[in-house]
Amino acid sequence: MDRNAVSGRIVELLYSIQLSRDLQDDTRLDFVVESIREQRTFRHSAAEYSEAIASVLRDGHLPPQAVPKGNHSEGEVVHWLGRLAERLRPDVETASTTLAD
């Protein structure tokens, strides 16, 4: 996934938390996971979001276009993305297994 795609996926995810006060609260995280699974609000697959998150976690920072300007520090957002990746992992593994069959 190229840098522009990573940035786009991360920005989409950050829109979902921009008004959240507490990123440690699982309510918003659960909502985002379900929205990705059902492609309700998010149009890409769990695998694509996971790939973008993995890129951010490898780099240790957000793409410049995605740096938060609101309630949360970059570190808090990166930590939240790590939690999101953990929640999406079973979906990505299932999709990988299905594609291999």
C-alpha atoms as a PDB file:
ATOM      1  CA  MET A   1       0.000   0.000   0.000  1.00  0.00           C
ATOM      2  CA  ASP A   2       1.464   3.348  -0.991  1.00  0.00           C
ATOM      3  CA  ARG A   3       1.788   6.330   1.351  1.00  0.00           C
ATOM      4  CA  ASN A   4      -1.257   8.123  -0.057  1.00  0.00           C
ATOM      5  CA  ALA A   5      -3.468   5.079   0.489  1.00  0.00           C
ATOM      6  CA  VAL A   6      -2.127   4.657   4.035  1.00  0.00           C
ATOM      7  CA  SER A   7      -2.809   8.298   4.770  1.00  0.00           C
ATOM      8  CA  GLY A   8      -6.315   8.094   3.317  1.00  0.00           C
ATOM      9  CA  ARG A   9      -7.284   5.026   5.345  1.00  0.00           C
ATOM     10  CA  ILE A  10      -5.895   6.531   8.547  1.00  0.00           C
ATOM     11  CA  VAL A  11      -7.679   9.840   7.999  1.00  0.00           C
ATOM     12  CA  GLU A  12     -10.952   7.916   7.507  1.00  0.00           C
ATOM     13  CA  LEU A  13     -10.404   6.151  10.821  1.00  0.00           C
ATOM     14  CA  LEU A  14      -9.512   9.360  12.631  1.00  0.00           C
ATOM     15  CA  TYR A  15     -12.746  11.040  11.575  1.00  0.00           C
ATOM     16  CA  SER A  16     -14.512   8.431  13.673  1.00  0.00           C
ATOM     17  CA  ILE A  17     -12.701   9.481  16.854  1.00  0.00           C
ATOM     18  CA  GLN A  18     -12.223  13.199  16.444  1.00  0.00           C
ATOM     19  CA  LEU A  19     -14.994  14.053  18.915  1.00  0.00           C
ATOM     20  CA  SER A  20     -14.314  11.200  21.340  1.00  0.00           C
ATOM     21  CA  ARG A  21     -13.147  12.360  24.725  1.00  0.00           C
ATOM     22  CA  ASP A  22     -11.577   9.140  25.962  1.00  0.00           C
ATOM     23  CA  LEU A  23      -9.824   6.800  23.556  1.00  0.00           C
ATOM     24  CA  GLN A  24      -9.495   4.205  26.306  1.00  0.00           C
ATOM     25  CA  ASP A  25     -13.274   3.771  26.275  1.00  0.00           C
ATOM     26  CA  ASP A  26     -14.087   0.680  24.220  1.00  0.00           C
ATOM     27  CA  THR A  27     -17.456   2.037  23.070  1.00  0.00           C
ATOM     28  CA  ARG A  28     -16.023   3.990  20.132  1.00  0.00           C
ATOM     29  CA  LEU A  29     -13.552   1.211  19.318  1.00  0.00           C
ATOM     30  CA  ASP A  30     -16.365  -1.355  19.205  1.00  0.00           C
ATOM     31  CA  PHE A  31     -18.412   0.932  16.955  1.00  0.00           C
ATOM     32  CA  VAL A  32     -15.525   1.370  14.502  1.00  0.00           C
ATOM     33  CA  VAL A  33     -14.800  -2.371  14.402  1.00  0.00           C
ATOM     34  CA  GLU A  34     -18.443  -3.190  13.672  1.00  0.00           C
ATOM     35  CA  SER A  35     -18.666  -0.416  11.079  1.00  0.00           C
ATOM     36  CA  ILE A  36     -15.618  -1.808   9.270  1.00  0.00           C
ATOM     37  CA  ARG A  37     -16.914  -5.376   9.434  1.00  0.00           C
ATOM     38  CA  GLU A  38     -20.289  -4.394   8.040  1.00  0.00           C
ATOM     39  CA  GLN A  39     -18.810  -1.754   5.705  1.00  0.00           C
ATOM     40  CA  ARG A  40     -21.408   0.597   7.122  1.00  0.00           C
ATOM     41  CA  THR A  41     -19.350   3.758   7.356  1.00  0.00           C
ATOM     42  CA  PHE A  42     -16.068   2.451   5.988  1.00  0.00           C
ATOM     43  CA  ARG A  43     -15.891   1.331   2.378  1.00  0.00           C
ATOM     44  CA  HIS A  44     -12.657  -0.666   2.488  1.00  0.00           C
ATOM     45  CA  SER A  45     -11.977  -4.113   3.899  1.00  0.00           C
ATOM     46  CA  ALA A  46     -10.635  -4.847   7.351  1.00  0.00           C
ATOM     47  CA  ALA A  47      -7.448  -6.065   5.647  1.00  0.00           C
ATOM     48  CA  GLU A  48      -6.882  -2.690   3.984  1.00  0.00           C
ATOM     49  CA  TYR A  49      -7.362  -0.753   7.226  1.00  0.00           C
ATOM     50  CA  SER A  50      -5.136  -3.249   9.034  1.00  0.00           C
ATOM     51  CA  GLU A  51      -2.408  -2.807   6.434  1.00  0.00           C
ATOM     52  CA  ALA A  52      -2.546   0.978   6.834  1.00  0.00           C
ATOM     53  CA  ILE A  53      -2.463   0.681  10.620  1.00  0.00           C
ATOM     54  CA  ALA A  54       0.490  -1.726  10.423  1.00  0.00           C
ATOM     55  CA  SER A  55       2.385   0.865   8.399  1.00  0.00           C
ATOM     56  CA  VAL A  56       1.731   3.523  11.053  1.00  0.00           C
ATOM     57  CA  LEU A  57       2.743   1.169  13.864  1.00  0.00           C
ATOM     58  CA  ARG A  58       5.983   0.277  12.031  1.00  0.00           C
ATOM     59  CA  ASP A  59       6.793   3.971  11.526  1.00  0.00           C
ATOM     60  CA  GLY A  60       5.736   4.878  15.068  1.00  0.00           C
ATOM     61  CA  HIS A  61       3.935   7.996  13.907  1.00  0.00           C
ATOM     62  CA  LEU A  62       0.982   9.141  11.835  1.00  0.00           C
ATOM     63  CA  PRO A  63       1.215  10.397   8.249  1.00  0.00           C
ATOM     64  CA  PRO A  64       1.500  14.208   8.221  1.00  0.00           C
ATOM     65  CA  GLN A  65      -2.055  14.629   6.858  1.00  0.00           C
ATOM     66  CA  ALA A  66      -3.435  12.556   9.725  1.00  0.00           C
ATOM     67  CA  VAL A  67      -1.809  14.246  12.710  1.00  0.00           C
ATOM     68  CA  PRO A  68      -4.654  15.104  15.100  1.00  0.00           C
ATOM     69  CA  LYS A  69      -5.468  18.727  15.710  1.00  0.00           C
ATOM     70  CA  GLY A  70      -8.080  18.152  18.353  1.00  0.00           C
ATOM     71  CA  ASN A  71      -8.545  16.327  21.615  1.00  0.00           C
ATOM     72  CA  HIS A  72      -5.818  13.698  21.339  1.00  0.00           C
ATOM     73  CA  SER A  73      -2.064  13.532  21.038  1.00  0.00           C
ATOM     74  CA  GLU A  74      -0.401  11.610  18.233  1.00  0.00           C
ATOM     75  CA  GLY A  75       0.758   9.014  20.759  1.00  0.00           C
ATOM     76  CA  GLU A  76      -2.790   8.445  22.011  1.00  0.00           C
ATOM     77  CA  VAL A  77      -4.038   7.997  18.459  1.00  0.00           C
ATOM     78  CA  VAL A  78      -1.248   5.571  17.542  1.00  0.00           C
ATOM     79  CA  HIS A  79      -2.057   3.559  20.672  1.00  0.00           C
ATOM     80  CA  TRP A  80      -5.759   3.527  19.737  1.00  0.00           C
ATOM     81  CA  LEU A  81      -4.869   2.343  16.231  1.00  0.00           C
ATOM     82  CA  GLY A  82      -2.866  -0.506  17.778  1.00  0.00           C
ATOM     83  CA  ARG A  83      -5.925  -1.539  19.779  1.00  0.00           C
ATOM     84  CA  LEU A  84      -8.035  -1.348  16.629  1.00  0.00           C
ATOM     85  CA  ALA A  85      -5.563  -3.554  14.756  1.00  0.00           C
ATOM     86  CA  GLU A  86      -5.833  -6.175  17.506  1.00  0.00           C
ATOM     87  CA  ARG A  87      -9.615  -6.183  17.209  1.00  0.00           C
ATOM     88  CA  LEU A  88      -9.471  -6.480  13.420  1.00  0.00           C
ATOM     89  CA  ARG A  89      -6.875  -9.278  13.400  1.00  0.00           C
ATOM     90  CA  PRO A  90      -9.408 -12.176  13.447  1.00  0.00           C
ATOM     91  CA  ASP A  91     -11.236 -10.658  10.448  1.00  0.00           C
ATOM     92  CA  VAL A  92      -8.007 -10.289   8.503  1.00  0.00           C
ATOM     93  CA  GLU A  93      -6.878 -13.832   9.354  1.00  0.00           C
ATOM     94  CA  THR A  94     -10.238 -15.253   8.302  1.00  0.00           C
ATOM     95  CA  ALA A  95     -10.129 -13.350   5.004  1.00  0.00           C
ATOM     96  CA  SER A  96      -6.580 -14.581   4.346  1.00  0.00           C
ATOM     97  CA  THR A  97      -7.589 -18.169   5.029  1.00  0.00           C
ATOM     98  CA  THR A  98     -10.627 -17.868   2.760  1.00  0.00           C
ATOM     99  CA  LEU A  99      -8.535 -16.453  -0.077  1.00  0.00           C
ATOM    100  CA  ALA A 100      -5.981 -19.260   0.288  1.00  0.00           C
ATOM    101  CA  ASP A 101      -8.658 -21.945  -0.079  1.00  0.00           C
END
